[in-house]
Amino acid sequence: MPAITIKNIPDELYHQLKQVAKQHHRSINSEVIVCLKRALLPSQTPPAERLNDIRALRSQITANRVTAADIATAINDGRT
């Protein structure tokens, strides 16, 4: 398997990479591979599947509708 050496990584970038790797319980090397895969091999999710995922997320959100009466009450409450 090929190997890569990365030189002159800015300190801040290295520390962020190290922190993210720790959060994901990965080595820094494994985290770099995951980042490269995400950047260079984007997933090809079919549009229908992506739409289903969006609909599933949307169904988890409860609507908080504000009526004209709610606005009028808020305005009147603020004036007293």
PDB file of N, CA and C in Angstrom:
ATOM      1  N   MET A   1       0.847  -1.175   0.000  1.00  0.00           N
ATOM      2  CA  MET A   1       0.000   0.000   0.000  1.00  0.00           C
ATOM      3  C   MET A   1       0.896   1.244   0.000  1.00  0.00           C
ATOM      4  N   PRO A   2       0.595   2.218  -0.818  1.00  0.00           N
ATOM      5  CA  PRO A   2       1.413   3.428  -0.881  1.00  0.00           C
ATOM      6  C   PRO A   2       1.364   4.212   0.438  1.00  0.00           C
ATOM      7  N   ALA A   3       2.388   5.018   0.645  1.00  0.00           N
ATOM      8  CA  ALA A   3       2.461   5.868   1.826  1.00  0.00           C
ATOM      9  C   ALA A   3       2.708   7.311   1.396  1.00  0.00           C
ATOM     10  N   ILE A   4       2.272   8.236   2.218  1.00  0.00           N
ATOM     11  CA  ILE A   4       2.451   9.664   1.947  1.00  0.00           C
ATOM     12  C   ILE A   4       3.070  10.307   3.177  1.00  0.00           C
ATOM     13  N   THR A   5       3.972  11.218   2.948  1.00  0.00           N
ATOM     14  CA  THR A   5       4.501  12.062   4.018  1.00  0.00           C
ATOM     15  C   THR A   5       4.031  13.478   3.745  1.00  0.00           C
ATOM     16  N   ILE A   6       3.418  14.093   4.751  1.00  0.00           N
ATOM     17  CA  ILE A   6       2.926  15.461   4.593  1.00  0.00           C
ATOM     18  C   ILE A   6       3.824  16.373   5.411  1.00  0.00           C
ATOM     19  N   LYS A   7       4.372  17.376   4.757  1.00  0.00           N
ATOM     20  CA  LYS A   7       5.296  18.284   5.427  1.00  0.00           C
ATOM     21  C   LYS A   7       4.661  19.658   5.593  1.00  0.00           C
ATOM     22  N   ASN A   8       5.176  20.390   6.545  1.00  0.00           N
ATOM     23  CA  ASN A   8       4.816  21.793   6.776  1.00  0.00           C
ATOM     24  C   ASN A   8       3.325  21.998   7.051  1.00  0.00           C
ATOM     25  N   ILE A   9       2.748  21.113   7.848  1.00  0.00           N
ATOM     26  CA  ILE A   9       1.345  21.274   8.238  1.00  0.00           C
ATOM     27  C   ILE A   9       1.278  22.406   9.261  1.00  0.00           C
ATOM     28  N   PRO A  10       0.431  23.398   9.042  1.00  0.00           N
ATOM     29  CA  PRO A  10       0.291  24.466  10.038  1.00  0.00           C
ATOM     30  C   PRO A  10      -0.122  23.895  11.395  1.00  0.00           C
ATOM     31  N   ASP A  11       0.428  24.449  12.458  1.00  0.00           N
ATOM     32  CA  ASP A  11       0.164  23.937  13.808  1.00  0.00           C
ATOM     33  C   ASP A  11      -1.326  23.848  14.107  1.00  0.00           C
ATOM     34  N   GLU A  12      -2.064  24.897  13.772  1.00  0.00           N
ATOM     35  CA  GLU A  12      -3.499  24.923  14.076  1.00  0.00           C
ATOM     36  C   GLU A  12      -4.228  23.791  13.349  1.00  0.00           C
ATOM     37  N   LEU A  13      -3.891  23.560  12.094  1.00  0.00           N
ATOM     38  CA  LEU A  13      -4.516  22.487  11.325  1.00  0.00           C
ATOM     39  C   LEU A  13      -4.192  21.129  11.944  1.00  0.00           C
ATOM     40  N   TYR A  14      -2.947  20.949  12.348  1.00  0.00           N
ATOM     41  CA  TYR A  14      -2.535  19.680  12.965  1.00  0.00           C
ATOM     42  C   TYR A  14      -3.305  19.454  14.266  1.00  0.00           C
ATOM     43  N   HIS A  15      -3.428  20.488  15.088  1.00  0.00           N
ATOM     44  CA  HIS A  15      -4.134  20.338  16.361  1.00  0.00           C
ATOM     45  C   HIS A  15      -5.615  20.034  16.141  1.00  0.00           C
ATOM     46  N   GLN A  16      -6.214  20.669  15.140  1.00  0.00           N
ATOM     47  CA  GLN A  16      -7.617  20.366  14.822  1.00  0.00           C
ATOM     48  C   GLN A  16      -7.766  18.922  14.349  1.00  0.00           C
ATOM     49  N   LEU A  17      -6.866  18.496  13.497  1.00  0.00           N
ATOM     50  CA  LEU A  17      -6.892  17.121  12.996  1.00  0.00           C
ATOM     51  C   LEU A  17      -6.748  16.129  14.144  1.00  0.00           C
ATOM     52  N   LYS A  18      -5.836  16.422  15.037  1.00  0.00           N
ATOM     53  CA  LYS A  18      -5.593  15.549  16.187  1.00  0.00           C
ATOM     54  C   LYS A  18      -6.835  15.478  17.079  1.00  0.00           C
ATOM     55  N   GLN A  19      -7.478  16.622  17.291  1.00  0.00           N
ATOM     56  CA  GLN A  19      -8.671  16.676  18.127  1.00  0.00           C
ATOM     57  C   GLN A  19      -9.830  15.897  17.494  1.00  0.00           C
ATOM     58  N   VAL A  20     -10.029  16.085  16.200  1.00  0.00           N
ATOM     59  CA  VAL A  20     -11.115  15.375  15.508  1.00  0.00           C
ATOM     60  C   VAL A  20     -10.851  13.872  15.505  1.00  0.00           C
ATOM     61  N   ALA A  21      -9.604  13.481  15.291  1.00  0.00           N
ATOM     62  CA  ALA A  21      -9.250  12.062  15.319  1.00  0.00           C
ATOM     63  C   ALA A  21      -9.574  11.462  16.681  1.00  0.00           C
ATOM     64  N   LYS A  22      -9.264  12.204  17.731  1.00  0.00           N
ATOM     65  CA  LYS A  22      -9.553  11.722  19.086  1.00  0.00           C
ATOM     66  C   LYS A  22     -11.059  11.572  19.295  1.00  0.00           C
ATOM     67  N   GLN A  23     -11.841  12.550  18.813  1.00  0.00           N
ATOM     68  CA  GLN A  23     -13.300  12.488  18.955  1.00  0.00           C
ATOM     69  C   GLN A  23     -13.883  11.273  18.245  1.00  0.00           C
ATOM     70  N   HIS A  24     -13.277  10.907  17.123  1.00  0.00           N
ATOM     71  CA  HIS A  24     -13.768   9.768  16.342  1.00  0.00           C
ATOM     72  C   HIS A  24     -13.082   8.456  16.711  1.00  0.00           C
ATOM     73  N   HIS A  25     -12.235   8.505  17.738  1.00  0.00           N
ATOM     74  CA  HIS A  25     -11.496   7.314  18.191  1.00  0.00           C
ATOM     75  C   HIS A  25     -10.667   6.707  17.052  1.00  0.00           C
ATOM     76  N   ARG A  26      -9.977   7.583  16.328  1.00  0.00           N
ATOM     77  CA  ARG A  26      -9.124   7.155  15.221  1.00  0.00           C
ATOM     78  C   ARG A  26      -7.711   7.680  15.441  1.00  0.00           C
ATOM     79  N   SER A  27      -6.785   7.053  14.732  1.00  0.00           N
ATOM     80  CA  SER A  27      -5.434   7.606  14.696  1.00  0.00           C
ATOM     81  C   SER A  27      -5.452   8.817  13.764  1.00  0.00           C
ATOM     82  N   ILE A  28      -4.423   9.625  13.851  1.00  0.00           N
ATOM     83  CA  ILE A  28      -4.337  10.778  12.953  1.00  0.00           C
ATOM     84  C   ILE A  28      -4.263  10.287  11.508  1.00  0.00           C
ATOM     85  N   ASN A  29      -3.531   9.231  11.275  1.00  0.00           N
ATOM     86  CA  ASN A  29      -3.417   8.673   9.928  1.00  0.00           C
ATOM     87  C   ASN A  29      -4.793   8.265   9.385  1.00  0.00           C
ATOM     88  N   SER A  30      -5.562   7.560  10.213  1.00  0.00           N
ATOM     89  CA  SER A  30      -6.904   7.130   9.778  1.00  0.00           C
ATOM     90  C   SER A  30      -7.809   8.321   9.522  1.00  0.00           C
ATOM     91  N   GLU A  31      -7.683   9.354  10.344  1.00  0.00           N
ATOM     92  CA  GLU A  31      -8.516  10.546  10.161  1.00  0.00           C
ATOM     93  C   GLU A  31      -8.161  11.246   8.858  1.00  0.00           C
ATOM     94  N   VAL A  32      -6.878  11.312   8.525  1.00  0.00           N
ATOM     95  CA  VAL A  32      -6.447  11.921   7.260  1.00  0.00           C
ATOM     96  C   VAL A  32      -7.042  11.148   6.086  1.00  0.00           C
ATOM     97  N   ILE A  33      -7.036   9.836   6.168  1.00  0.00           N
ATOM     98  CA  ILE A  33      -7.598   9.015   5.089  1.00  0.00           C
ATOM     99  C   ILE A  33      -9.093   9.285   4.931  1.00  0.00           C
ATOM    100  N   VAL A  34      -9.810   9.371   6.047  1.00  0.00           N
ATOM    101  CA  VAL A  34     -11.250   9.666   5.992  1.00  0.00           C
ATOM    102  C   VAL A  34     -11.477  11.031   5.350  1.00  0.00           C
ATOM    103  N   CYS A  35     -10.680  12.030   5.754  1.00  0.00           N
ATOM    104  CA  CYS A  35     -10.828  13.378   5.183  1.00  0.00           C
ATOM    105  C   CYS A  35     -10.555  13.374   3.682  1.00  0.00           C
ATOM    106  N   LEU A  36      -9.535  12.663   3.268  1.00  0.00           N
ATOM    107  CA  LEU A  36      -9.214  12.586   1.840  1.00  0.00           C
ATOM    108  C   LEU A  36     -10.331  11.893   1.064  1.00  0.00           C
ATOM    109  N   LYS A  37     -10.868  10.830   1.623  1.00  0.00           N
ATOM    110  CA  LYS A  37     -11.970  10.126   0.957  1.00  0.00           C
ATOM    111  C   LYS A  37     -13.176  11.039   0.791  1.00  0.00           C
ATOM    112  N   ARG A  38     -13.496  11.790   1.850  1.00  0.00           N
ATOM    113  CA  ARG A  38     -14.649  12.700   1.763  1.00  0.00           C
ATOM    114  C   ARG A  38     -14.424  13.777   0.709  1.00  0.00           C
ATOM    115  N   ALA A  39     -13.203  14.257   0.623  1.00  0.00           N
ATOM    116  CA  ALA A  39     -12.911  15.345  -0.315  1.00  0.00           C
ATOM    117  C   ALA A  39     -12.798  14.855  -1.754  1.00  0.00           C
ATOM    118  N   LEU A  40     -12.223  13.680  -1.942  1.00  0.00           N
ATOM    119  CA  LEU A  40     -11.914  13.231  -3.293  1.00  0.00           C
ATOM    120  C   LEU A  40     -12.883  12.195  -3.846  1.00  0.00           C
ATOM    121  N   LEU A  41     -13.593  11.518  -2.971  1.00  0.00           N
ATOM    122  CA  LEU A  41     -14.525  10.482  -3.412  1.00  0.00           C
ATOM    123  C   LEU A  41     -15.918  10.760  -2.838  1.00  0.00           C
ATOM    124  N   PRO A  42     -16.533  11.854  -3.259  1.00  0.00           N
ATOM    125  CA  PRO A  42     -17.846  12.175  -2.701  1.00  0.00           C
ATOM    126  C   PRO A  42     -18.850  11.061  -2.986  1.00  0.00           C
ATOM    127  N   SER A  43     -19.718  10.841  -2.020  1.00  0.00           N
ATOM    128  CA  SER A  43     -20.708   9.770  -2.197  1.00  0.00           C
ATOM    129  C   SER A  43     -21.671  10.141  -3.315  1.00  0.00           C
ATOM    130  N   GLN A  44     -22.062   9.159  -4.043  1.00  0.00           N
ATOM    131  CA  GLN A  44     -22.995   9.349  -5.148  1.00  0.00           C
ATOM    132  C   GLN A  44     -24.366   8.843  -4.710  1.00  0.00           C
ATOM    133  N   THR A  45     -24.997   9.581  -3.818  1.00  0.00           N
ATOM    134  CA  THR A  45     -26.320   9.205  -3.340  1.00  0.00           C
ATOM    135  C   THR A  45     -27.338   9.531  -4.424  1.00  0.00           C
ATOM    136  N   PRO A  46     -28.126   8.540  -4.808  1.00  0.00           N
ATOM    137  CA  PRO A  46     -29.158   8.797  -5.814  1.00  0.00           C
ATOM    138  C   PRO A  46     -30.129   9.875  -5.317  1.00  0.00           C
ATOM    139  N   PRO A  47     -30.604  10.729  -6.227  1.00  0.00           N
ATOM    140  CA  PRO A  47     -31.521  11.808  -5.828  1.00  0.00           C
ATOM    141  C   PRO A  47     -32.739  11.319  -5.051  1.00  0.00           C
ATOM    142  N   ALA A  48     -33.305  10.191  -5.429  1.00  0.00           N
ATOM    143  CA  ALA A  48     -34.490   9.679  -4.731  1.00  0.00           C
ATOM    144  C   ALA A  48     -34.158   9.330  -3.282  1.00  0.00           C
ATOM    145  N   GLU A  49     -32.996   8.751  -3.076  1.00  0.00           N
ATOM    146  CA  GLU A  49     -32.583   8.396  -1.713  1.00  0.00           C
ATOM    147  C   GLU A  49     -32.319   9.655  -0.884  1.00  0.00           C
ATOM    148  N   ARG A  50     -31.681  10.627  -1.491  1.00  0.00           N
ATOM    149  CA  ARG A  50     -31.414  11.893  -0.798  1.00  0.00           C
ATOM    150  C   ARG A  50     -32.734  12.580  -0.424  1.00  0.00           C
ATOM    151  N   LEU A  51     -33.688  12.550  -1.337  1.00  0.00           N
ATOM    152  CA  LEU A  51     -34.997  13.150  -1.075  1.00  0.00           C
ATOM    153  C   LEU A  51     -35.706  12.429   0.067  1.00  0.00           C
ATOM    154  N   ASN A  52     -35.617  11.106   0.100  1.00  0.00           N
ATOM    155  CA  ASN A  52     -36.211  10.344   1.198  1.00  0.00           C
ATOM    156  C   ASN A  52     -35.569  10.712   2.527  1.00  0.00           C
ATOM    157  N   ASP A  53     -34.254  10.900   2.536  1.00  0.00           N
ATOM    158  CA  ASP A  53     -33.551  11.300   3.756  1.00  0.00           C
ATOM    159  C   ASP A  53     -34.022  12.674   4.216  1.00  0.00           C
ATOM    160  N   ILE A  54     -34.182  13.579   3.284  1.00  0.00           N
ATOM    161  CA  ILE A  54     -34.649  14.935   3.616  1.00  0.00           C
ATOM    162  C   ILE A  54     -36.060  14.874   4.188  1.00  0.00           C
ATOM    163  N   ARG A  55     -36.911  14.082   3.564  1.00  0.00           N
ATOM    164  CA  ARG A  55     -38.289  13.961   4.060  1.00  0.00           C
ATOM    165  C   ARG A  55     -38.318  13.361   5.467  1.00  0.00           C
ATOM    166  N   ALA A  56     -37.456  12.386   5.718  1.00  0.00           N
ATOM    167  CA  ALA A  56     -37.389  11.779   7.049  1.00  0.00           C
ATOM    168  C   ALA A  56     -36.953  12.808   8.091  1.00  0.00           C
ATOM    169  N   LEU A  57     -35.970  13.624   7.743  1.00  0.00           N
ATOM    170  CA  LEU A  57     -35.528  14.671   8.661  1.00  0.00           C
ATOM    171  C   LEU A  57     -36.628  15.694   8.895  1.00  0.00           C
ATOM    172  N   ARG A  58     -37.313  16.059   7.828  1.00  0.00           N
ATOM    173  CA  ARG A  58     -38.386  17.045   7.923  1.00  0.00           C
ATOM    174  C   ARG A  58     -39.521  16.548   8.821  1.00  0.00           C
ATOM    175  N   SER A  59     -39.800  15.249   8.776  1.00  0.00           N
ATOM    176  CA  SER A  59     -40.894  14.703   9.583  1.00  0.00           C
ATOM    177  C   SER A  59     -40.577  14.760  11.074  1.00  0.00           C
ATOM    178  N   GLN A  60     -39.302  14.904  11.414  1.00  0.00           N
ATOM    179  CA  GLN A  60     -38.907  14.982  12.820  1.00  0.00           C
ATOM    180  C   GLN A  60     -39.035  16.396  13.381  1.00  0.00           C
ATOM    181  N   ILE A  61     -39.246  17.362  12.517  1.00  0.00           N
ATOM    182  CA  ILE A  61     -39.344  18.750  12.936  1.00  0.00           C
ATOM    183  C   ILE A  61     -40.806  19.096  13.185  1.00  0.00           C
ATOM    184  N   THR A  62     -41.062  19.658  14.360  1.00  0.00           N
ATOM    185  CA  THR A  62     -42.425  20.069  14.657  1.00  0.00           C
ATOM    186  C   THR A  62     -42.594  21.525  14.240  1.00  0.00           C
ATOM    187  N   ALA A  63     -43.680  21.776  13.597  1.00  0.00           N
ATOM    188  CA  ALA A  63     -43.953  23.134  13.128  1.00  0.00           C
ATOM    189  C   ALA A  63     -44.360  24.005  14.308  1.00  0.00           C
ATOM    190  N   ASN A  64     -43.842  25.199  14.339  1.00  0.00           N
ATOM    191  CA  ASN A  64     -44.199  26.166  15.367  1.00  0.00           C
ATOM    192  C   ASN A  64     -44.784  27.366  14.644  1.00  0.00           C
ATOM    193  N   ARG A  65     -46.046  27.273  14.348  1.00  0.00           N
ATOM    194  CA  ARG A  65     -46.693  28.298  13.550  1.00  0.00           C
ATOM    195  C   ARG A  65     -47.163  29.449  14.438  1.00  0.00           C
ATOM    196  N   VAL A  66     -46.894  30.639  13.984  1.00  0.00           N
ATOM    197  CA  VAL A  66     -47.316  31.838  14.689  1.00  0.00           C
ATOM    198  C   VAL A  66     -48.506  32.427  13.938  1.00  0.00           C
ATOM    199  N   THR A  67     -49.578  32.628  14.666  1.00  0.00           N
ATOM    200  CA  THR A  67     -50.786  33.169  14.044  1.00  0.00           C
ATOM    201  C   THR A  67     -50.821  34.686  14.209  1.00  0.00           C
ATOM    202  N   ALA A  68     -51.730  35.313  13.481  1.00  0.00           N
ATOM    203  CA  ALA A  68     -51.912  36.765  13.600  1.00  0.00           C
ATOM    204  C   ALA A  68     -52.333  37.116  15.019  1.00  0.00           C
ATOM    205  N   ALA A  69     -53.128  36.267  15.637  1.00  0.00           N
ATOM    206  CA  ALA A  69     -53.571  36.502  17.018  1.00  0.00           C
ATOM    207  C   ALA A  69     -52.373  36.452  17.971  1.00  0.00           C
ATOM    208  N   ASP A  70     -51.436  35.528  17.737  1.00  0.00           N
ATOM    209  CA  ASP A  70     -50.222  35.446  18.563  1.00  0.00           C
ATOM    210  C   ASP A  70     -49.408  36.734  18.456  1.00  0.00           C
ATOM    211  N   ILE A  71     -49.310  37.259  17.263  1.00  0.00           N
ATOM    212  CA  ILE A  71     -48.552  38.499  17.039  1.00  0.00           C
ATOM    213  C   ILE A  71     -49.242  39.668  17.734  1.00  0.00           C
ATOM    214  N   ALA A  72     -50.542  39.744  17.593  1.00  0.00           N
ATOM    215  CA  ALA A  72     -51.291  40.825  18.229  1.00  0.00           C
ATOM    216  C   ALA A  72     -51.148  40.755  19.744  1.00  0.00           C
ATOM    217  N   THR A  73     -51.210  39.564  20.303  1.00  0.00           N
ATOM    218  CA  THR A  73     -51.047  39.391  21.746  1.00  0.00           C
ATOM    219  C   THR A  73     -49.659  39.831  22.190  1.00  0.00           C
ATOM    220  N   ALA A  74     -48.643  39.444  21.442  1.00  0.00           N
ATOM    221  CA  ALA A  74     -47.271  39.822  21.781  1.00  0.00           C
ATOM    222  C   ALA A  74     -47.084  41.330  21.726  1.00  0.00           C
ATOM    223  N   ILE A  75     -47.671  41.956  20.718  1.00  0.00           N
ATOM    224  CA  ILE A  75     -47.581  43.419  20.599  1.00  0.00           C
ATOM    225  C   ILE A  75     -48.266  44.081  21.789  1.00  0.00           C
ATOM    226  N   ASN A  76     -49.476  43.606  22.104  1.00  0.00           N
ATOM    227  CA  ASN A  76     -50.225  44.205  23.208  1.00  0.00           C
ATOM    228  C   ASN A  76     -49.537  43.952  24.545  1.00  0.00           C
ATOM    229  N   ASP A  77     -48.967  42.781  24.739  1.00  0.00           N
ATOM    230  CA  ASP A  77     -48.254  42.470  25.984  1.00  0.00           C
ATOM    231  C   ASP A  77     -47.036  43.362  26.140  1.00  0.00           C
ATOM    232  N   GLY A  78     -46.399  43.683  25.049  1.00  0.00           N
ATOM    233  CA  GLY A  78     -45.200  44.519  25.094  1.00  0.00           C
ATOM    234  C   GLY A  78     -45.503  45.974  25.391  1.00  0.00           C
ATOM    235  N   ARG A  79     -46.734  46.375  25.219  1.00  0.00           N
ATOM    236  CA  ARG A  79     -47.122  47.780  25.440  1.00  0.00           C
ATOM    237  C   ARG A  79     -47.573  48.052  26.862  1.00  0.00           C
ATOM    238  N   THR A  80     -47.747  47.031  27.649  1.00  0.00           N
ATOM    239  CA  THR A  80     -48.228  47.254  29.019  1.00  0.00           C
ATOM    240  C   THR A  80     -47.100  47.326  30.003  1.00  0.00           C
TER     241      THR A  80
END
